[in-house]
Every structure is written in C-alpha cells, then in structure tokens.
C-alpha cells in the first residue's frame, strides 16, 4: 500500500512540474514575440532548490551577445557552476557532463548531449534538471526547442 502511495505522489509531482514548465515556457515565448532580447533585466538561470522539489529563477546577465551559439555555450557553463543563492543548486550537477551541443538555426533548436551518467537519474531529479535547463535556454532569442540526448543518441 505504501509503495502505491509513493508512486501516486511521484506521478503527481512530475505532473505538477510538467505543468509548471508549460506555463513558464509559454510566458517566455510571449516575451520573445514582443521583441525582448536575451540581455534584458528579466533574464536568468533557473536553479533547483536543495530539497529537489522545485526550481527558481536567479538573475543572470549574459557576458556574450554576439550570437546565439556563444550565448548557449555561456549558459551551459554557467549552469554547471555554483548558485549565488546558498539554498539553490545549479541544474547541471558535477556528476553529469554536458559533452557538447548543436544549434540548428533554421529550426531554432538546441540539441544537448549528456554523458551516460544522465540516464541514471531518478525521474523527479531528471524532470527538474530538464525543466531548469530548458527554461533557461528558451529565454534566448532564436531558441524555441531544446532536445536532450545521451551521448548523441
């Protein structure tokens, strides 16, 4: 019986996170349509809280604004670091390596390739990581899709 309750709780938590991502993504795409750029004050990196139960946006100012690929690289590097808020952690943990990325300008899509370690994540943690990374990158003008791969598969 307890196992069944845990499964329901996990499913409900994942569903709530999914709804949160959908709502956040739709807000971000509205801002892009209104002509906002990635360097405006509202830009930030989404971090994961210590309890692994949610994500929160932390302000971030892009140093590079020469092209979308440079901005993507900068954000991937920034998402590996340490959050300035002590109660939050960056979305790309030390044990997971983002090996590289490919940006397809025509489709406005970013393909992120992670190490095999990514496949060992539990479903809640993976959902939080995907949400935080996607919501961060979708703020960039010229990015409307983010695809996750494990060693280019």
Protein backbone atom coordinates (compact mmCIF):
# COMPACT_ATOMS: atom_id res chain seq x y z
CA UNK A 1 0.00 0.00 0.00
CA UNK A 2 2.84 2.41 0.89
CA UNK A 3 4.54 1.68 -2.42
CA UNK A 4 1.32 2.57 -4.25
CA UNK A 5 1.08 5.91 -2.36
CA UNK A 6 4.70 6.73 -3.19
CA UNK A 7 4.04 6.02 -6.85
CA UNK A 8 0.97 8.27 -6.87
CA UNK A 9 2.92 11.02 -5.11
CA UNK A 10 5.81 10.77 -7.60
CA UNK A 11 3.43 10.83 -10.56
CA UNK A 12 1.60 13.84 -9.15
CA UNK A 13 4.88 15.68 -8.52
CA UNK A 14 6.09 15.04 -12.07
CA UNK A 15 2.74 16.19 -13.47
CA UNK A 16 2.90 19.42 -11.44
CA UNK A 17 6.46 20.08 -12.64
CA UNK A 18 5.39 19.48 -16.23
CA UNK A 19 2.52 21.97 -15.88
CA UNK A 20 4.95 24.48 -14.37
CA UNK A 21 7.32 24.09 -17.33
CA UNK A 22 4.50 24.52 -19.83
CA UNK A 23 3.31 27.69 -18.11
CA UNK A 24 6.82 29.12 -17.82
CA UNK A 25 7.65 28.27 -21.42
CA UNK A 26 4.52 29.92 -22.74
CA UNK A 27 5.38 33.08 -20.82
CA UNK A 28 8.89 33.07 -22.26
CA UNK A 29 7.73 32.69 -25.84
CA UNK A 30 5.31 35.60 -25.41
CA UNK A 31 8.21 37.80 -24.35
CA UNK A 32 10.18 36.75 -27.42
CA UNK A 33 7.31 37.61 -29.73
CA UNK A 34 7.16 41.07 -28.19
CA UNK A 35 10.75 41.67 -29.25
CA UNK A 36 12.57 41.21 -25.97
CA UNK A 37 16.18 40.16 -26.16
CA UNK A 38 18.20 37.81 -24.03
CA UNK A 39 20.11 40.59 -22.31
CA UNK A 40 17.12 42.32 -20.69
CA UNK A 41 16.77 42.50 -16.90
CA UNK A 42 14.25 39.65 -16.77
CA UNK A 43 16.81 37.08 -17.93
CA UNK A 44 18.07 34.45 -15.53
CA UNK A 45 19.21 30.91 -14.84
CA UNK A 46 16.73 28.51 -13.33
CA UNK A 47 18.19 26.74 -10.29
CA UNK A 48 16.92 23.73 -8.32
CA UNK A 49 16.16 24.05 -4.63
CA UNK A 50 18.10 21.99 -2.06
CA UNK A 51 15.10 19.72 -1.39
CA UNK A 52 14.86 18.81 -5.10
CA UNK A 53 11.20 19.88 -5.17
CA UNK A 54 11.18 22.95 -7.39
CA UNK A 55 13.03 25.49 -9.49
CA UNK A 56 13.54 29.22 -9.13
CA UNK A 57 14.91 31.85 -11.48
CA UNK A 58 18.10 33.62 -10.43
CA UNK A 59 19.06 36.81 -12.29
CA UNK A 60 21.93 36.42 -14.72
CA UNK A 61 23.49 38.89 -17.11
CA UNK A 62 24.93 37.43 -20.29
CA UNK A 63 28.50 38.49 -20.98
CA UNK A 64 28.31 37.40 -24.60
CA UNK A 65 25.68 38.64 -27.00
CA UNK A 66 27.50 38.21 -30.28
CA UNK A 67 25.47 35.19 -31.45
CA UNK A 68 23.10 32.55 -30.13
CA UNK A 69 25.74 29.79 -30.07
CA UNK A 70 28.04 31.88 -27.85
CA UNK A 71 25.13 32.60 -25.51
CA UNK A 72 24.21 28.90 -25.34
CA UNK A 73 27.81 27.95 -24.50
CA UNK A 74 27.99 30.63 -21.82
CA UNK A 75 24.73 29.47 -20.24
CA UNK A 76 25.75 25.80 -20.26
CA UNK A 77 28.96 26.76 -18.46
CA UNK A 78 27.05 28.97 -16.01
CA UNK A 79 24.56 26.18 -15.25
CA UNK A 80 27.47 23.96 -14.14
CA UNK A 81 28.75 26.42 -11.56
CA UNK A 82 27.64 27.32 -8.09
CA UNK A 83 24.48 29.30 -7.46
CA UNK A 84 24.90 32.65 -5.73
CA UNK A 85 21.86 31.71 -3.65
CA UNK A 86 23.03 29.23 -1.00
CA UNK A 87 19.63 27.50 -0.90
CA UNK A 88 19.74 26.59 -4.59
CA UNK A 89 21.90 24.38 -6.82
CA UNK A 90 22.69 24.83 -10.49
CA UNK A 91 20.87 22.46 -12.86
CA UNK A 92 23.91 20.63 -14.26
CA UNK A 93 25.44 18.64 -11.38
CA UNK A 94 29.12 17.73 -11.19
CA UNK A 95 28.48 14.05 -11.91
CA UNK A 96 26.77 14.81 -15.23
CA UNK A 97 28.75 16.16 -18.17
CA UNK A 98 27.19 18.16 -20.99
CA UNK A 99 29.54 16.85 -23.67
CA UNK A 100 28.52 19.31 -26.35
CA UNK A 101 25.60 20.95 -28.08
CA UNK A 102 24.37 21.60 -31.59
CA UNK A 103 22.32 24.63 -32.55
CA UNK A 104 20.12 24.37 -35.63
CA UNK A 105 19.30 27.96 -36.56
CA UNK A 106 16.64 27.07 -39.14
CA UNK A 107 14.58 25.14 -36.55
CA UNK A 108 15.66 27.30 -33.58
CA UNK A 109 16.55 24.05 -31.81
CA UNK A 110 19.34 23.20 -29.39
CA UNK A 111 20.48 19.57 -29.07
CA UNK A 112 22.30 18.92 -25.78
CA UNK A 113 24.37 15.74 -25.48
CA UNK A 114 24.99 14.50 -21.94
CA UNK A 115 27.21 11.75 -20.58
CA UNK A 116 25.81 8.28 -19.89
CA UNK A 117 25.51 9.24 -16.19
CA UNK A 118 22.45 11.31 -17.12
CA UNK A 119 20.47 8.11 -17.72
CA UNK A 120 20.94 7.04 -14.08
CA UNK A 121 18.96 9.98 -12.68
CA UNK A 122 15.72 9.27 -10.86
CA UNK A 123 12.63 10.62 -12.62
CA UNK A 124 11.99 13.57 -10.28
CA UNK A 125 15.58 14.83 -10.43
CA UNK A 126 15.69 14.37 -14.21
CA UNK A 127 12.45 16.34 -14.61
CA UNK A 128 13.82 19.20 -12.51
CA UNK A 129 17.09 19.27 -14.44
CA UNK A 130 15.34 19.19 -17.82
CA UNK A 131 12.92 21.91 -16.73
CA UNK A 132 15.62 24.22 -15.40
CA UNK A 133 17.90 23.81 -18.42
CA UNK A 134 15.06 24.15 -20.93
CA UNK A 135 13.53 27.19 -19.26
CA UNK A 136 16.94 28.86 -19.10
CA UNK A 137 17.78 28.27 -22.77
CA UNK A 138 14.29 29.08 -24.06
CA UNK A 139 14.75 32.66 -22.90
CA UNK A 140 17.29 33.20 -25.67
CA UNK A 141 16.03 34.88 -28.80
CA UNK A 142 16.42 32.28 -31.54
CA UNK A 143 15.80 29.23 -29.34
CA UNK A 144 12.36 27.67 -29.32
CA UNK A 145 13.19 23.95 -28.79
CA UNK A 146 15.59 22.06 -26.56
CA UNK A 147 16.32 18.37 -27.12
CA UNK A 148 18.21 16.17 -24.67
CA UNK A 149 20.43 13.32 -25.86
CA UNK A 150 22.70 10.83 -24.13
CA UNK A 151 26.00 10.57 -25.98
CA UNK A 152 24.35 11.80 -29.20
CA UNK A 153 21.58 9.17 -29.09
